[in-house]
Amino acid sequence: MNIGILESDNFSEFAKNQLKQFGAVSELNDQDLKEFVFDKHILFARLKYFIGEDLLKSAPNLLYICSPTTGLNHIDSEYCLSKNINIISLKGEIDFLKNIRATPEHTLGLIIGLYRNYSLAFQNTNNVNWNRELYRGNEINGSKIGFVGFGRVAKIVSLYLKTMGAEVAFFDINNSISPENNEMKCNDIKELVSWSECVVLTASYMPENGVIINDEIFDLMKDKYFVNTARAELTQENYLIQKIEENYFKGVAIDVIQNEQNEKNKMLNLIEAARNKNVIITPHIGGATFDSMKKTEDFIASKLIKYLND
């Protein structure tokens, strides 16, 4: 079998050695992407490339796409299904993911960063008068923080926040989800947003559910904090950018944008709107630590090997 790794920087050596037992492993460097995938039976992909019909037509022998991610909006799942291409990911791997803390830690960091005006304070190199009053912030202790989507990430962050003295609430479309550490469960998203001082989006993205945070919900966030470490497709992105331009929020932190792999995305619009405001933008680094990426690559390689052995 021919196995291709699309993003090889710091890719787990252990995982590579495991894969070499099943075939030739090659890494994409300066080759044309479509030429690289042509003879591949297995592809390992992170988030740099969108793996859709246009690319997959150039991979007639492809059997597996392996992605050490929980979200799969960088892969055209429907086209893969039509071509009998199996997708191996972290989706649903609840027990394994309990010990992967990169995204929860990053989410907590973004919340703290907003509350303490880190973005503005870090960027101001002209503060020669050492004026701390410019960046006076707020404390997590006693704050009301609400989660939209109460899955693995939200539950871990909630525990962190409650340890720091915050009040925590959540709303989830799955009504069977219950509080784990005395969080308040809201009946609908409007109730949650109205109650919260900080709204944190941690829901899973499913195309059939569409946008969760639409214009109407953003309108309820006047002078509130908003954090998104889930997927930008869950939000009305154009309206979010408009509201950032208007300085509508107390602060915004996002780790994701729509059409991330497409040069026509709204990244530059977002950066321009965020200028000189309490806004933090990170390039989808939520799960990107050396620790978590090695663990997840090793796990996905082992998961693939089980499929191959079976």
Protein backbone atom coordinates (compact mmCIF):
# COMPACT_ATOMS: atom_id res chain seq x y z
CA MET A 1 0.00 0.00 0.00
CA ASN A 2 1.07 3.58 -0.65
CA ILE A 3 0.56 5.84 2.36
CA GLY A 4 0.78 9.62 2.04
CA ILE A 5 1.20 12.19 4.80
CA LEU A 6 -0.02 15.61 3.68
CA GLU A 7 1.37 17.60 6.62
CA SER A 8 4.54 15.98 7.86
CA ASP A 9 5.96 18.67 10.14
CA ASN A 10 6.51 17.08 13.56
CA PHE A 11 4.43 14.07 12.53
CA SER A 12 4.78 11.29 15.09
CA GLU A 13 7.77 9.09 14.33
CA PHE A 14 6.13 6.25 16.22
CA ALA A 15 3.06 6.48 13.99
CA LYS A 16 5.23 6.57 10.87
CA ASN A 17 7.12 3.44 11.93
CA GLN A 18 3.83 1.67 12.59
CA LEU A 19 2.57 2.59 9.14
CA LYS A 20 5.74 1.41 7.42
CA GLN A 21 4.77 -2.15 8.34
CA PHE A 22 1.91 -1.88 5.85
CA GLY A 23 3.48 -0.07 2.93
CA ALA A 24 5.59 2.76 1.56
CA VAL A 25 5.18 5.99 3.49
CA SER A 26 5.83 9.26 1.67
CA GLU A 27 5.45 12.89 2.71
CA LEU A 28 4.16 15.82 0.69
CA ASN A 29 6.89 18.40 0.22
CA ASP A 30 7.11 20.49 -2.94
CA GLN A 31 5.13 18.11 -5.14
CA ASP A 32 1.87 19.00 -6.81
CA LEU A 33 -0.88 17.89 -4.44
CA LYS A 34 -2.92 16.11 -7.10
CA GLU A 35 0.11 14.27 -8.42
CA PHE A 36 1.05 13.27 -4.87
CA VAL A 37 -2.30 11.65 -4.09
CA PHE A 38 -2.60 9.82 -7.44
CA ASP A 39 -1.13 6.48 -6.34
CA LYS A 40 -2.09 6.67 -2.66
CA HIS A 41 -4.27 4.11 -0.91
CA ILE A 42 -4.15 5.92 2.44
CA LEU A 43 -3.89 9.63 3.24
CA PHE A 44 -3.13 11.26 6.59
CA ALA A 45 -4.47 14.82 6.77
CA ARG A 46 -4.65 17.51 9.40
CA LEU A 47 -6.45 20.78 8.56
CA LYS A 48 -4.34 22.54 5.95
CA TYR A 49 -6.11 21.15 2.88
CA PHE A 50 -9.75 20.71 1.96
CA ILE A 51 -10.15 17.14 0.81
CA GLY A 52 -13.07 17.34 -1.56
CA GLU A 53 -14.23 16.02 -4.90
CA ASP A 54 -11.75 18.09 -6.92
CA LEU A 55 -8.77 16.54 -5.14
CA LEU A 56 -10.22 13.07 -4.66
CA LYS A 57 -10.84 12.64 -8.39
CA SER A 58 -7.04 12.58 -8.65
CA ALA A 59 -6.83 9.69 -6.17
CA PRO A 60 -8.51 6.73 -7.89
CA ASN A 61 -6.94 4.15 -5.57
CA LEU A 62 -7.75 5.84 -2.27
CA LEU A 63 -9.26 3.61 0.42
CA TYR A 64 -8.75 5.54 3.68
CA ILE A 65 -8.49 9.13 4.81
CA CYS A 66 -7.08 9.40 8.33
CA SER A 67 -7.59 12.65 10.23
CA PRO A 68 -6.58 13.11 13.90
CA THR A 69 -9.48 15.53 14.43
CA THR A 70 -13.00 15.41 15.84
CA GLY A 71 -14.45 17.86 13.30
CA LEU A 72 -14.57 16.76 9.67
CA ASN A 73 -15.64 19.87 7.78
CA HIS A 74 -12.28 19.78 5.94
CA ILE A 75 -13.34 16.52 4.27
CA ASP A 76 -16.21 16.01 1.82
CA SER A 77 -17.73 13.09 3.72
CA GLU A 78 -20.62 12.56 1.30
CA TYR A 79 -18.31 12.25 -1.70
CA CYS A 80 -16.08 9.85 0.24
CA LEU A 81 -19.13 7.72 1.04
CA SER A 82 -20.12 7.63 -2.63
CA LYS A 83 -16.63 6.40 -3.53
CA ASN A 84 -16.32 3.90 -0.66
CA ILE A 85 -13.49 5.88 0.91
CA ASN A 86 -13.37 5.24 4.65
CA ILE A 87 -12.74 8.17 7.00
CA ILE A 88 -10.89 7.38 10.21
CA SER A 89 -11.01 10.16 12.79
CA LEU A 90 -11.40 10.96 16.47
CA LYS A 91 -15.14 11.48 16.17
CA GLY A 92 -16.90 9.52 18.91
CA GLU A 93 -13.68 8.40 20.62
CA ILE A 94 -14.94 9.60 24.00
CA ASP A 95 -12.70 7.53 26.29
CA PHE A 96 -9.51 8.40 24.42
CA LEU A 97 -10.33 12.09 24.19
CA LYS A 98 -10.83 12.47 27.94
CA ASN A 99 -7.07 12.81 28.31
CA ILE A 100 -6.57 15.16 25.35
CA ARG A 101 -6.68 18.58 26.99
CA ALA A 102 -5.25 20.92 24.36
CA THR A 103 -8.54 22.46 23.19
CA PRO A 104 -10.04 22.83 26.69
CA GLU A 105 -6.85 24.52 27.89
CA HIS A 106 -6.81 26.86 24.88
CA THR A 107 -10.47 27.70 25.42
CA LEU A 108 -9.76 28.59 29.05
CA GLY A 109 -6.79 30.69 27.94
CA LEU A 110 -8.93 32.64 25.48
CA ILE A 111 -11.55 33.34 28.14
CA ILE A 112 -8.91 34.61 30.55
CA GLY A 113 -7.28 36.61 27.76
CA LEU A 114 -10.55 38.42 27.02
CA TYR A 115 -11.35 39.11 30.66
CA ARG A 116 -7.89 40.64 31.18
CA ASN A 117 -7.60 42.52 27.86
CA TYR A 118 -4.46 40.61 26.94
CA SER A 119 -4.73 41.28 23.23
CA LEU A 120 -4.62 45.06 23.67
CA ALA A 121 -2.11 44.97 26.51
CA PHE A 122 0.31 42.67 24.67
CA GLN A 123 0.22 44.75 21.50
CA ASN A 124 0.78 48.14 23.09
CA THR A 125 4.52 48.75 22.91
CA ASN A 126 3.99 52.51 23.25
CA ASN A 127 2.79 52.39 26.83
CA VAL A 128 5.88 54.25 28.05
CA ASN A 129 3.97 55.66 31.01
CA TRP A 130 3.24 52.12 32.25
CA ASN A 131 -0.46 52.94 32.46
CA ARG A 132 -2.23 49.84 33.70
CA GLU A 133 -5.59 51.64 33.81
CA LEU A 134 -5.81 51.29 30.03
CA TYR A 135 -6.18 47.53 30.41
CA ARG A 136 -8.14 47.05 33.61
CA GLY A 137 -10.09 43.83 33.20
CA ASN A 138 -12.44 41.52 35.03
CA GLU A 139 -12.15 38.35 37.09
CA ILE A 140 -13.39 34.87 36.28
CA ASN A 141 -14.39 34.47 39.92
CA GLY A 142 -18.09 35.30 40.20
CA SER A 143 -18.58 35.66 36.45
CA LYS A 144 -21.43 33.96 34.57
CA ILE A 145 -20.13 31.83 31.71
CA GLY A 146 -22.42 29.89 29.39
CA PHE A 147 -21.61 27.07 26.97
CA VAL A 148 -23.43 26.41 23.73
CA GLY A 149 -22.89 22.68 23.35
CA PHE A 150 -21.99 20.68 26.43
CA GLY A 151 -19.73 17.93 25.17
CA ARG A 152 -16.21 16.89 26.15
CA VAL A 153 -14.52 20.29 25.75
CA ALA A 154 -17.24 22.23 27.55
CA LYS A 155 -17.36 19.79 30.45
CA ILE A 156 -13.61 20.03 31.02
CA VAL A 157 -13.54 23.83 30.71
CA SER A 158 -16.55 24.06 32.99
CA LEU A 159 -14.64 22.18 35.68
CA TYR A 160 -11.68 24.55 35.28
CA LEU A 161 -13.95 27.59 35.55
CA LYS A 162 -15.91 26.34 38.54
CA THR A 163 -12.60 25.73 40.32
CA MET A 164 -11.86 29.41 39.65
CA GLY A 165 -15.19 30.46 41.15
CA ALA A 166 -17.29 31.09 38.04
CA GLU A 167 -20.97 30.32 37.66
CA VAL A 168 -21.53 28.03 34.69
CA ALA A 169 -24.58 27.26 32.56
CA PHE A 170 -25.09 25.40 29.30
CA PHE A 171 -27.51 24.71 26.47
CA ASP A 172 -27.30 21.64 24.25
CA ILE A 173 -29.65 20.52 21.48
CA ASN A 174 -29.36 17.03 22.98
CA ASN A 175 -31.83 17.39 25.82
CA SER A 176 -30.61 14.20 27.49
CA ILE A 177 -27.29 15.81 28.47
CA SER A 178 -27.20 16.53 32.19
CA PRO A 179 -25.06 18.78 34.41
CA GLU A 180 -21.87 17.20 35.72
CA ASN A 181 -20.66 19.72 38.31
CA ASN A 182 -23.83 21.58 39.29
CA GLU A 183 -23.94 23.65 36.12
CA MET A 184 -27.27 25.31 35.29
CA LYS A 185 -29.05 23.73 32.33
CA CYS A 186 -30.92 26.19 30.09
CA ASN A 187 -33.97 25.31 28.04
CA ASP A 188 -32.94 27.27 24.95
CA ILE A 189 -30.04 29.26 23.57
CA LYS A 190 -31.69 32.64 24.14
CA GLU A 191 -32.07 31.90 27.83
CA LEU A 192 -28.41 30.92 28.02
CA VAL A 193 -27.12 34.00 26.19
CA SER A 194 -29.31 36.36 28.21
CA TRP A 195 -27.98 34.88 31.46
CA SER A 196 -24.31 34.80 30.43
CA GLU A 197 -21.63 37.44 30.65
CA CYS A 198 -19.45 35.26 28.41
CA VAL A 199 -20.82 32.91 25.74
CA VAL A 200 -18.54 30.03 24.73
CA LEU A 201 -19.32 28.04 21.58
CA THR A 202 -18.15 24.44 21.94
CA ALA A 203 -20.83 22.57 19.97
CA SER A 204 -20.02 19.94 17.38
CA TYR A 205 -20.59 20.96 13.78
CA MET A 206 -23.12 18.88 11.85
CA PRO A 207 -24.14 20.28 8.45
CA GLU A 208 -27.74 19.20 8.94
CA ASN A 209 -28.04 21.46 12.01
CA GLY A 210 -26.67 24.53 10.23
CA VAL A 211 -25.94 27.82 11.98
CA ILE A 212 -26.48 27.94 15.75
CA ILE A 213 -25.34 31.51 16.48
CA ASN A 214 -27.30 33.58 13.97
CA ASP A 215 -27.90 37.34 13.73
CA GLU A 216 -30.67 37.24 16.31
CA ILE A 217 -28.47 35.47 18.86
CA PHE A 218 -25.51 37.80 18.23
CA ASP A 219 -27.86 40.73 18.84
CA LEU A 220 -28.32 39.42 22.38
CA MET A 221 -24.57 39.69 23.06
CA LYS A 222 -24.30 43.45 23.48
CA ASP A 223 -21.32 44.14 25.81
CA LYS A 224 -20.75 40.42 26.38
CA TYR A 225 -17.74 38.22 25.69
CA PHE A 226 -17.92 35.63 22.87
CA VAL A 227 -15.52 32.71 22.40
CA ASN A 228 -15.54 30.13 19.58
CA THR A 229 -13.19 27.14 19.62
CA ALA A 230 -15.66 24.85 17.80
CA ARG A 231 -16.31 25.59 14.11
CA ALA A 232 -17.03 28.92 12.41
CA GLU A 233 -19.73 27.27 10.29
CA LEU A 234 -21.85 27.30 13.45
CA THR A 235 -21.99 31.11 13.30
CA GLN A 236 -23.24 33.79 10.93
CA GLU A 237 -19.69 34.92 10.21
CA ASN A 238 -20.42 38.04 8.15
CA TYR A 239 -22.67 39.39 10.88
CA LEU A 240 -20.06 38.58 13.53
CA ILE A 241 -17.48 40.61 11.59
CA GLN A 242 -19.95 43.48 11.25
CA LYS A 243 -20.62 43.49 15.00
CA ILE A 244 -16.89 43.39 15.78
CA GLU A 245 -16.43 46.45 13.54
CA GLU A 246 -19.16 48.20 15.53
CA ASN A 247 -17.38 47.33 18.80
CA TYR A 248 -20.61 45.63 19.86
CA PHE A 249 -19.00 43.01 22.09
CA LYS A 250 -17.03 43.38 25.29
CA GLY A 251 -14.55 41.00 23.72
CA VAL A 252 -14.31 38.24 21.11
CA ALA A 253 -11.92 35.31 20.84
CA ILE A 254 -12.06 32.89 17.92
CA ASP A 255 -9.86 30.00 16.88
CA VAL A 256 -11.75 29.17 13.69
CA ILE A 257 -12.93 30.80 10.46
CA GLN A 258 -15.20 29.56 7.68
CA ASN A 259 -13.59 28.13 4.53
CA GLU A 260 -10.32 27.86 6.40
CA GLN A 261 -8.54 26.10 3.52
CA ASN A 262 -9.88 28.51 0.89
CA GLU A 263 -7.97 31.69 -0.01
CA LYS A 264 -11.33 33.46 -0.44
CA ASN A 265 -12.14 33.20 3.27
CA LYS A 266 -12.87 36.22 5.47
CA MET A 267 -9.63 36.17 7.44
CA LEU A 268 -8.41 39.59 6.29
CA ASN A 269 -11.83 41.14 6.90
CA LEU A 270 -11.82 39.71 10.38
CA ILE A 271 -8.31 40.93 11.16
CA GLU A 272 -9.16 44.42 9.95
CA ALA A 273 -12.39 44.52 11.98
CA ALA A 274 -10.49 43.39 15.08
CA ARG A 275 -7.88 46.13 14.96
CA ASN A 276 -7.54 48.06 18.25
CA LYS A 277 -10.33 46.06 19.91
CA ASN A 278 -10.45 43.41 22.61
CA VAL A 279 -10.38 40.64 20.02
CA ILE A 280 -8.14 37.57 19.95
CA ILE A 281 -7.75 35.57 16.74
CA THR A 282 -5.75 32.34 16.74
CA PRO A 283 -5.18 30.15 13.63
CA HIS A 284 -7.06 27.03 14.72
CA ILE A 285 -4.44 26.06 17.29
CA GLY A 286 -6.93 24.69 19.82
CA GLY A 287 -5.79 21.09 19.42
CA ALA A 288 -2.29 21.91 18.20
CA THR A 289 0.13 21.05 20.95
CA PHE A 290 3.09 18.70 20.55
CA ASP A 291 1.58 16.47 23.22
CA SER A 292 -1.93 16.19 21.81
CA MET A 293 -0.89 15.86 18.18
CA LYS A 294 1.52 13.01 18.91
CA LYS A 295 -1.10 11.20 20.99
CA THR A 296 -3.80 11.63 18.37
CA GLU A 297 -1.57 10.65 15.43
CA ASP A 298 -0.46 7.53 17.29
CA PHE A 299 -4.07 6.70 18.09
CA ILE A 300 -5.30 7.19 14.51
CA ALA A 301 -2.42 5.10 13.16
CA SER A 302 -3.34 2.30 15.58
CA LYS A 303 -7.00 2.63 14.63
CA LEU A 304 -6.11 2.32 10.94
CA ILE A 305 -3.95 -0.74 11.62
CA LYS A 306 -6.90 -2.44 13.34
CA TYR A 307 -8.99 -1.83 10.23
CA LEU A 308 -6.27 -3.20 7.98
CA ASN A 309 -5.75 -6.27 10.13
CA ASP A 310 -9.46 -6.99 10.18
